[in-house]
Protein backbone atom coordinates (compact mmCIF):
# COMPACT_ATOMS: atom_id res chain seq x y z
CA UNK A 1 0.00 0.00 0.00
CA UNK A 2 1.53 3.31 -1.08
CA UNK A 3 0.49 5.11 2.14
CA UNK A 4 2.69 2.86 4.26
CA UNK A 5 5.79 4.70 3.10
CA UNK A 6 4.52 7.98 4.60
CA UNK A 7 4.35 8.58 8.33
CA UNK A 8 1.34 10.88 8.43
CA UNK A 9 1.26 10.93 12.21
CA UNK A 10 4.81 12.29 12.40
CA UNK A 11 4.02 14.69 9.56
CA UNK A 12 1.04 16.04 11.53
CA UNK A 13 3.12 16.47 14.71
CA UNK A 14 5.81 18.39 12.84
CA UNK A 15 3.21 20.53 11.04
CA UNK A 16 1.31 21.26 14.25
CA UNK A 17 4.49 22.25 16.09
CA UNK A 18 5.34 24.88 13.49
CA UNK A 19 1.92 26.46 12.89
CA UNK A 20 1.19 29.97 14.09
CA UNK A 21 -2.30 28.86 15.13
CA UNK A 22 -1.42 27.46 18.54
CA UNK A 23 -3.93 25.87 20.88
CA UNK A 24 -5.40 28.07 23.60
CA UNK A 25 -4.76 27.49 27.29
CA UNK A 26 -7.43 26.64 29.84
CA UNK A 27 -7.13 30.22 31.14
CA UNK A 28 -7.76 31.57 27.64
CA UNK A 29 -10.97 29.56 27.42
CA UNK A 30 -12.00 30.50 30.96
CA UNK A 31 -11.94 34.14 29.88
CA UNK A 32 -13.78 33.36 26.63
CA UNK A 33 -16.42 31.09 28.17
CA UNK A 34 -19.30 33.54 28.64
CA UNK A 35 -18.84 35.07 25.21
CA UNK A 36 -18.57 31.65 23.58
CA UNK A 37 -21.68 30.36 25.35
CA UNK A 38 -23.72 33.24 23.95
CA UNK A 39 -22.47 32.72 20.39
CA UNK A 40 -22.57 28.93 19.91
CA UNK A 41 -25.52 27.65 21.92
CA UNK A 42 -28.50 26.79 19.69
CA UNK A 43 -26.53 27.46 16.50
CA UNK A 44 -27.52 25.54 13.30
CA UNK A 45 -24.18 23.73 13.57
CA UNK A 46 -25.52 21.75 16.54
CA UNK A 47 -28.37 20.10 14.63
CA UNK A 48 -26.10 19.58 11.61
CA UNK A 49 -23.66 17.66 13.82
CA UNK A 50 -26.24 15.58 15.69
CA UNK A 51 -28.18 14.73 12.53
CA UNK A 52 -25.08 12.97 11.18
CA UNK A 53 -24.74 10.75 14.27
CA UNK A 54 -26.25 7.27 14.46
CA UNK A 55 -28.07 7.37 17.80
CA UNK A 56 -31.08 5.42 19.04
CA UNK A 57 -31.58 6.96 22.48
CA UNK A 58 -30.03 4.36 24.75
CA UNK A 59 -26.44 5.55 24.41
CA UNK A 60 -23.93 6.96 26.85
CA UNK A 61 -22.02 9.70 25.01
CA UNK A 62 -18.62 11.13 25.96
CA UNK A 63 -18.22 14.75 24.82
CA UNK A 64 -14.54 15.81 24.72
CA UNK A 65 -13.90 19.53 24.98
CA UNK A 66 -17.58 20.08 25.68
CA UNK A 67 -17.25 23.85 26.13
CA UNK A 68 -20.41 25.53 27.44
CA UNK A 69 -22.58 22.54 26.52
CA UNK A 70 -23.03 23.33 22.85
CA UNK A 71 -23.57 19.65 21.98
CA UNK A 72 -23.80 18.12 25.45
CA UNK A 73 -27.16 19.66 26.38
CA UNK A 74 -28.99 18.88 23.09
CA UNK A 75 -27.49 15.37 23.11
CA UNK A 76 -28.54 14.79 26.72
CA UNK A 77 -32.15 15.32 25.62
CA UNK A 78 -31.81 12.49 23.09
CA UNK A 79 -29.61 9.87 24.77
CA UNK A 80 -29.35 8.03 28.09
CA UNK A 81 -26.43 10.01 29.53
CA UNK A 82 -23.69 12.45 28.55
CA UNK A 83 -20.23 12.52 30.09
CA UNK A 84 -18.87 16.01 29.45
CA UNK A 85 -15.20 16.84 29.87
CA UNK A 86 -13.26 20.07 29.40
CA UNK A 87 -9.96 21.47 30.65
CA UNK A 88 -11.61 24.86 31.25
CA UNK A 89 -13.34 24.96 34.63
CA UNK A 90 -15.34 28.02 33.62
CA UNK A 91 -16.66 26.28 30.51
CA UNK A 92 -18.03 23.55 32.76
CA UNK A 93 -19.72 26.19 34.91
CA UNK A 94 -21.37 27.60 31.77
CA UNK A 95 -22.50 24.08 30.88
CA UNK A 96 -24.01 23.54 34.34
CA UNK A 97 -25.89 26.83 34.10
CA UNK A 98 -27.18 25.90 30.62
CA UNK A 99 -28.26 22.47 31.88
CA UNK A 100 -30.13 24.06 34.79
CA UNK A 101 -31.96 26.41 32.45
CA UNK A 102 -32.98 23.48 30.24
CA UNK A 103 -33.88 21.14 33.10
CA UNK A 104 -31.27 18.60 31.97
CA UNK A 105 -30.04 16.28 34.73
CA UNK A 106 -28.37 13.36 32.92
CA UNK A 107 -24.91 14.92 32.46
CA UNK A 108 -21.76 14.13 34.43
CA UNK A 109 -18.90 16.61 34.17
CA UNK A 110 -15.17 16.09 34.60
CA UNK A 111 -12.53 18.82 34.67
CA UNK A 112 -9.98 17.07 32.42
CA UNK A 113 -8.64 17.51 28.91
CA UNK A 114 -6.99 15.59 26.09
CA UNK A 115 -3.63 15.27 27.82
CA UNK A 116 -5.00 14.03 31.16
CA UNK A 117 -5.50 10.50 32.46
CA UNK A 118 -8.94 9.27 31.39
CA UNK A 119 -8.96 6.15 33.56
CA UNK A 120 -11.58 7.75 35.85
CA UNK A 121 -14.03 8.05 32.96
CA UNK A 122 -16.65 5.34 32.45
CA UNK A 123 -16.80 3.61 29.08
CA UNK A 124 -19.11 5.25 26.54
CA UNK A 125 -21.02 3.95 23.56
CA UNK A 126 -20.21 7.00 21.48
CA UNK A 127 -17.41 9.56 21.75
CA UNK A 128 -17.63 13.01 20.15
CA UNK A 129 -15.10 15.81 19.78
CA UNK A 130 -16.74 18.88 18.29
CA UNK A 131 -14.25 21.52 17.13
CA UNK A 132 -11.96 20.54 20.00
CA UNK A 133 -9.09 18.60 18.40
CA UNK A 134 -6.33 21.19 18.57
CA UNK A 135 -3.93 18.54 19.84
CA UNK A 136 -0.17 18.12 19.35
CA UNK A 137 -0.50 14.43 18.49
CA UNK A 138 -3.66 13.62 16.52
CA UNK A 139 -2.89 9.89 16.27
CA UNK A 140 -2.77 9.59 20.06
CA UNK A 141 -6.00 11.59 20.38
CA UNK A 142 -7.81 9.39 17.83
CA UNK A 143 -6.59 6.27 19.63
CA UNK A 144 -7.88 7.67 22.93
CA UNK A 145 -11.28 8.39 21.41
CA UNK A 146 -11.55 4.95 19.81
CA UNK A 147 -10.52 3.15 23.00
CA UNK A 148 -13.35 4.78 24.97
CA UNK A 149 -16.12 4.14 22.41
CA UNK A 150 -17.82 0.77 22.14
CA UNK A 151 -19.82 1.80 19.05
CA UNK A 152 -18.61 4.88 17.19
CA UNK A 153 -16.77 8.19 17.25
CA UNK A 154 -17.63 11.50 15.62
CA UNK A 155 -15.55 14.66 15.36
CA UNK A 156 -15.30 17.89 13.45
CA UNK A 157 -12.07 19.50 12.31
CA UNK A 158 -11.50 22.78 10.51
CA UNK A 159 -11.34 22.64 6.72
CA UNK A 160 -8.37 24.64 5.47
CA UNK A 161 -5.16 25.60 7.22
CA UNK A 162 -6.20 28.97 8.62
CA UNK A 163 -8.81 30.09 11.15
CA UNK A 164 -8.71 33.48 9.45
CA UNK A 165 -9.68 34.39 5.90
CA UNK A 166 -6.33 34.48 4.07
CA UNK A 167 -7.51 37.53 2.11
CA UNK A 168 -7.54 39.44 5.40
CA UNK A 169 -4.08 38.25 6.41
CA UNK A 170 -2.65 39.12 2.98
CA UNK A 171 -4.21 42.60 3.14
CA UNK A 172 -2.78 43.41 6.57
CA UNK A 173 0.62 41.87 5.80
CA UNK A 174 0.44 39.12 8.40
CA UNK A 175 2.42 36.07 7.32
CA UNK A 176 1.36 32.83 9.00
CA UNK A 177 2.29 29.19 8.93
CA UNK A 178 -0.97 27.38 8.38
CA UNK A 179 -2.29 24.62 10.64
CA UNK A 180 -2.70 20.95 9.67
CA UNK A 181 -5.78 20.34 7.55
CA UNK A 182 -8.43 17.73 8.29
CA UNK A 183 -7.23 15.17 5.74
CA UNK A 184 -4.60 13.86 8.18
CA UNK A 185 -7.40 12.37 10.28
CA UNK A 186 -9.10 9.99 7.80
CA UNK A 187 -5.73 8.83 6.51
CA UNK A 188 -4.48 8.00 10.01
CA UNK A 189 -7.78 6.29 10.90
CA UNK A 190 -7.62 4.24 7.70
CA UNK A 191 -4.05 3.20 8.51
CA UNK A 192 -5.38 1.75 11.79
CA UNK A 193 -8.07 -0.29 10.09
CA UNK A 194 -11.04 2.06 10.43
CA UNK A 195 -13.25 3.14 7.53
CA UNK A 196 -14.04 6.80 8.27
CA UNK A 197 -16.95 8.58 6.66
CA UNK A 198 -16.51 12.25 5.80
CA UNK A 199 -19.09 14.97 5.40
CA UNK A 200 -18.97 18.75 5.69
CA UNK A 201 -20.78 21.29 7.83
CA UNK A 202 -21.04 24.86 6.58
CA UNK A 203 -21.47 27.23 9.51
CA UNK A 204 -22.64 30.27 7.57
CA UNK A 205 -20.32 32.53 9.58
CA UNK A 206 -16.65 33.34 9.77
CA UNK A 207 -14.35 32.55 12.67
CA UNK A 208 -13.42 36.24 12.86
CA UNK A 209 -16.20 38.34 14.32
CA UNK A 210 -16.86 41.62 12.56
CA UNK A 211 -19.87 43.39 14.02
CA UNK A 212 -17.74 46.42 14.86
CA UNK A 213 -14.27 47.63 13.92
CA UNK A 214 -12.89 47.07 17.42
CA UNK A 215 -14.41 43.59 17.63
CA UNK A 216 -12.87 42.71 14.26
CA UNK A 217 -9.37 43.69 15.40
CA UNK A 218 -9.75 41.93 18.76
CA UNK A 219 -11.02 38.78 17.05
CA UNK A 220 -8.05 38.78 14.68
CA UNK A 221 -5.63 39.08 17.60
CA UNK A 222 -7.37 36.20 19.37
CA UNK A 223 -6.89 34.02 16.29
CA UNK A 224 -3.30 34.90 15.34
CA UNK A 225 -2.03 35.91 18.80
CA UNK A 226 -0.31 39.16 17.85
CA UNK A 227 -0.67 42.09 15.45
CA UNK A 228 1.75 45.00 15.43
CA UNK A 229 0.52 48.59 15.20
CA UNK A 230 0.79 48.70 11.41
CA UNK A 231 -1.12 45.43 11.02
CA UNK A 232 -3.85 46.66 13.36
CA UNK A 233 -4.13 49.85 11.32
CA UNK A 234 -4.41 47.80 8.12
CA UNK A 235 -7.03 45.60 9.78
CA UNK A 236 -9.12 48.67 10.55
CA UNK A 237 -8.72 49.78 6.94
CA UNK A 238 -9.86 46.34 5.74
CA UNK A 239 -12.92 46.52 7.97
CA UNK A 240 -13.91 49.94 6.61
CA UNK A 241 -13.11 49.34 2.94
CA UNK A 242 -14.01 45.65 2.45
CA UNK A 243 -16.33 44.46 5.19
CA UNK A 244 -18.35 47.68 5.37
CA UNK A 245 -17.57 49.35 2.05
CA UNK A 246 -17.85 46.29 -0.17
CA UNK A 247 -20.25 44.47 2.18
CA UNK A 248 -17.96 41.44 2.06
CA UNK A 249 -17.79 39.67 5.44
CA UNK A 250 -14.95 37.30 6.41
CA UNK A 251 -14.97 33.94 4.67
CA UNK A 252 -17.29 31.35 6.16
CA UNK A 253 -15.84 28.51 8.21
CA UNK A 254 -16.43 24.94 7.07
CA UNK A 255 -15.87 21.87 9.23
CA UNK A 256 -15.12 18.32 8.15
CA UNK A 257 -17.40 15.88 9.97
CA UNK A 258 -15.61 12.55 10.38
CA UNK A 259 -17.21 9.44 11.84
CA UNK A 260 -16.08 5.85 12.27
CA UNK A 261 -17.33 2.68 13.91
CA UNK A 262 -15.02 1.32 16.59
CA UNK A 263 -16.07 -2.33 16.27
CA UNK A 264 -13.32 -3.47 13.91
């Protein structure tokens, strides 16, 4: 098989180590939790994700990087139980508040992340990782998911190597090293004997928020970590001339939806 000559897992690790789009810390997400909860809860993405899952209602689902309960709460209304984990304590508090508002009581939360010991977690029928796989070693993460799922796994991963519209970055003169694209995942899964299915979810919105000029600049900094004074000035110019003047919002974000059965 021609793929055997290529170590895609090592290629991913090297690519991930050099990208400018680094993973956020738990403190970063703690600070972002309230804002994120307001923006992602009840979004069309949720139903798009769940509609692609094979669930009957009797499942225990493990939600990795659950955030403020974006998937965990809607899933809990359709399955037996949800085990929700996140390395951001504040995200879990947002989830608990969301669950209380919705009257959902069949969720167990654990303050742990990808790199932690999962031995305390009960086995699940299905494991999901929605937009949460910013990991240094994707092969290890996929193995961890598969080992905890008796039936199937589902995840979404960003399509394209940039969280920011490259037209914006080119305009402001910000050079970046792109992140690994989603295609690493199905290839690595296939190399381990799984037959992944791939679909795509169009969110209808960009990852960079652009309701106001200040929000646009702040959102860019969040995504690429730093912008110097000249780049911030160019970003403001882009907002005025392109987003407002030409009525051209930032490019929409698309996610690859990847699912596989774990019963080999």
